[in-house]
Amino acid sequence: MQFDEQIRGLSAQIKAEDLQLRLIGEEVGAVQQMVAKGLEPKPKLLALQRQSADIEGMRGQNIAKVAETKQQQGESQLLPSSSRANPSCASSICGPRSCRIR
């Protein structure tokens, strides 16, 4: 359940970042035209491009977090119920006979 909530939250962030990138892209296009005509300073355009790059980076991190969370979710479903009850048995060196709930 926790994994699903994390994935939903990250997916919402990715969706918001997609919207931000689309809006900034439109603004960059308009500012580029204004810079070309000398009506807007170039630093404003560069600031928008930096902001876009930052959001792209955050979006990439969130996509990676979704993949990591899905992997953790899959791994937790593969563990026997006794291993979930005893987190120390989650390692690969713990054999089935050595996993005992104390």
C-alpha atoms as a PDB file:
ATOM      1  CA  MET A   1       0.000   0.000   0.000  1.00  0.00           C
ATOM      2  CA  GLN A   2       2.815   2.399   0.900  1.00  0.00           C
ATOM      3  CA  PHE A   3       4.535   1.689  -2.419  1.00  0.00           C
ATOM      4  CA  ASP A   4       1.375   2.512  -4.364  1.00  0.00           C
ATOM      5  CA  GLU A   5       1.013   5.822  -2.516  1.00  0.00           C
ATOM      6  CA  GLN A   6       4.650   6.708  -3.213  1.00  0.00           C
ATOM      7  CA  ILE A   7       4.212   5.909  -6.896  1.00  0.00           C
ATOM      8  CA  ARG A   8       1.013   7.992  -7.079  1.00  0.00           C
ATOM      9  CA  GLY A   9       2.745  10.936  -5.416  1.00  0.00           C
ATOM     10  CA  LEU A  10       5.765  10.734  -7.700  1.00  0.00           C
ATOM     11  CA  SER A  11       3.543  10.372 -10.759  1.00  0.00           C
ATOM     12  CA  ALA A  12       1.660  13.522  -9.748  1.00  0.00           C
ATOM     13  CA  GLN A  13       4.978  15.366  -9.431  1.00  0.00           C
ATOM     14  CA  ILE A  14       6.069  14.142 -12.868  1.00  0.00           C
ATOM     15  CA  LYS A  15       2.775  15.306 -14.347  1.00  0.00           C
ATOM     16  CA  ALA A  16       3.219  18.748 -12.760  1.00  0.00           C
ATOM     17  CA  GLU A  17       6.789  18.922 -14.047  1.00  0.00           C
ATOM     18  CA  ASP A  18       5.569  18.054 -17.549  1.00  0.00           C
ATOM     19  CA  LEU A  19       3.119  20.957 -17.359  1.00  0.00           C
ATOM     20  CA  GLN A  20       5.808  23.325 -16.073  1.00  0.00           C
ATOM     21  CA  LEU A  21       8.125  22.303 -18.900  1.00  0.00           C
ATOM     22  CA  ARG A  22       5.413  22.861 -21.498  1.00  0.00           C
ATOM     23  CA  LEU A  23       4.615  26.319 -20.129  1.00  0.00           C
ATOM     24  CA  ILE A  24       8.273  27.304 -19.861  1.00  0.00           C
ATOM     25  CA  GLY A  25       8.802  26.039 -23.408  1.00  0.00           C
ATOM     26  CA  GLU A  26       6.100  28.398 -24.647  1.00  0.00           C
ATOM     27  CA  GLU A  27       7.621  31.266 -22.678  1.00  0.00           C
ATOM     28  CA  VAL A  28      11.097  30.501 -24.004  1.00  0.00           C
ATOM     29  CA  GLY A  29       9.765  30.674 -27.564  1.00  0.00           C
ATOM     30  CA  ALA A  30       8.168  34.068 -26.951  1.00  0.00           C
ATOM     31  CA  VAL A  31      11.220  35.454 -25.144  1.00  0.00           C
ATOM     32  CA  GLN A  32      13.556  34.183 -27.906  1.00  0.00           C
ATOM     33  CA  GLN A  33      11.623  36.241 -30.431  1.00  0.00           C
ATOM     34  CA  MET A  34      11.759  39.287 -28.177  1.00  0.00           C
ATOM     35  CA  VAL A  35      15.497  38.846 -27.585  1.00  0.00           C
ATOM     36  CA  ALA A  36      16.039  38.585 -31.351  1.00  0.00           C
ATOM     37  CA  LYS A  37      14.215  41.913 -31.785  1.00  0.00           C
ATOM     38  CA  GLY A  38      16.163  43.525 -28.941  1.00  0.00           C
ATOM     39  CA  LEU A  39      13.045  43.919 -26.790  1.00  0.00           C
ATOM     40  CA  GLU A  40      14.114  41.569 -23.999  1.00  0.00           C
ATOM     41  CA  PRO A  41      17.524  41.017 -22.373  1.00  0.00           C
ATOM     42  CA  LYS A  42      19.260  37.704 -23.046  1.00  0.00           C
ATOM     43  CA  PRO A  43      19.737  36.918 -19.321  1.00  0.00           C
ATOM     44  CA  LYS A  44      15.952  36.472 -19.007  1.00  0.00           C
ATOM     45  CA  LEU A  45      16.059  33.850 -21.751  1.00  0.00           C
ATOM     46  CA  LEU A  46      18.997  32.109 -20.095  1.00  0.00           C
ATOM     47  CA  ALA A  47      17.182  32.090 -16.743  1.00  0.00           C
ATOM     48  CA  LEU A  48      14.196  30.381 -18.348  1.00  0.00           C
ATOM     49  CA  GLN A  49      16.468  27.824 -19.992  1.00  0.00           C
ATOM     50  CA  ARG A  50      18.199  27.132 -16.644  1.00  0.00           C
ATOM     51  CA  GLN A  51      14.812  26.723 -14.971  1.00  0.00           C
ATOM     52  CA  SER A  52      13.771  24.274 -17.675  1.00  0.00           C
ATOM     53  CA  ALA A  53      16.977  22.280 -17.213  1.00  0.00           C
ATOM     54  CA  ASP A  54      16.424  22.148 -13.437  1.00  0.00           C
ATOM     55  CA  ILE A  55      12.890  20.839 -13.888  1.00  0.00           C
ATOM     56  CA  GLU A  56      14.114  18.246 -16.417  1.00  0.00           C
ATOM     57  CA  GLY A  57      16.618  17.057 -13.801  1.00  0.00           C
ATOM     58  CA  MET A  58      13.979  16.808 -11.072  1.00  0.00           C
ATOM     59  CA  ARG A  59      11.670  14.994 -13.488  1.00  0.00           C
ATOM     60  CA  GLY A  60      14.424  12.486 -14.271  1.00  0.00           C
ATOM     61  CA  GLN A  61      15.029  11.896 -10.566  1.00  0.00           C
ATOM     62  CA  ASN A  62      11.330  11.304  -9.991  1.00  0.00           C
ATOM     63  CA  ILE A  63      11.149   8.841 -12.872  1.00  0.00           C
ATOM     64  CA  ALA A  64      14.095   6.977 -11.338  1.00  0.00           C
ATOM     65  CA  LYS A  65      12.357   6.996  -7.934  1.00  0.00           C
ATOM     66  CA  VAL A  66       9.232   5.477  -9.499  1.00  0.00           C
ATOM     67  CA  ALA A  67      11.336   2.690 -11.026  1.00  0.00           C
ATOM     68  CA  GLU A  68      13.126   2.110  -7.724  1.00  0.00           C
ATOM     69  CA  THR A  69       9.843   2.024  -5.805  1.00  0.00           C
ATOM     70  CA  LYS A  70       8.348  -0.451  -8.284  1.00  0.00           C
ATOM     71  CA  GLN A  71      11.426  -2.650  -7.905  1.00  0.00           C
ATOM     72  CA  GLN A  72      11.142  -2.525  -4.106  1.00  0.00           C
ATOM     73  CA  GLN A  73       7.455  -3.343  -4.380  1.00  0.00           C
ATOM     74  CA  GLY A  74       8.195  -6.358  -6.569  1.00  0.00           C
ATOM     75  CA  GLU A  75      10.944  -7.557  -4.257  1.00  0.00           C
ATOM     76  CA  SER A  76       8.709  -7.265  -1.205  1.00  0.00           C
ATOM     77  CA  GLN A  77       6.080  -9.404  -2.925  1.00  0.00           C
ATOM     78  CA  LEU A  78       8.676 -12.104  -3.655  1.00  0.00           C
ATOM     79  CA  LEU A  79       9.831 -12.406  -0.045  1.00  0.00           C
ATOM     80  CA  PRO A  80       8.173 -15.112   2.029  1.00  0.00           C
ATOM     81  CA  SER A  81       5.895 -13.741   4.747  1.00  0.00           C
ATOM     82  CA  SER A  82       8.352 -14.831   7.470  1.00  0.00           C
ATOM     83  CA  SER A  83      11.097 -12.748   5.836  1.00  0.00           C
ATOM     84  CA  ARG A  84       8.842  -9.686   5.816  1.00  0.00           C
ATOM     85  CA  ALA A  85       8.187 -10.196   9.520  1.00  0.00           C
ATOM     86  CA  ASN A  86      11.929 -10.409  10.156  1.00  0.00           C
ATOM     87  CA  PRO A  87      13.636  -7.650   8.107  1.00  0.00           C
ATOM     88  CA  SER A  88      17.095  -9.008   8.932  1.00  0.00           C
ATOM     89  CA  CYS A  89      16.273 -12.021   6.748  1.00  0.00           C
ATOM     90  CA  ALA A  90      15.849  -9.901   3.636  1.00  0.00           C
ATOM     91  CA  SER A  91      19.485 -10.236   2.665  1.00  0.00           C
ATOM     92  CA  SER A  92      20.578 -12.709   0.036  1.00  0.00           C
ATOM     93  CA  ILE A  93      22.948 -14.470   2.459  1.00  0.00           C
ATOM     94  CA  CYS A  94      20.108 -15.530   4.730  1.00  0.00           C
ATOM     95  CA  GLY A  95      19.037 -19.038   3.808  1.00  0.00           C
ATOM     96  CA  PRO A  96      15.568 -20.433   4.464  1.00  0.00           C
ATOM     97  CA  ARG A  97      16.681 -22.438   7.531  1.00  0.00           C
ATOM     98  CA  SER A  98      18.500 -19.543   9.185  1.00  0.00           C
ATOM     99  CA  CYS A  99      15.476 -17.225   8.990  1.00  0.00           C
ATOM    100  CA  ARG A 100      13.602 -17.602  12.232  1.00  0.00           C
ATOM    101  CA  ILE A 101      11.426 -15.104  13.975  1.00  0.00           C
ATOM    102  CA  ARG A 102      12.649 -14.784  17.536  1.00  0.00           C
END
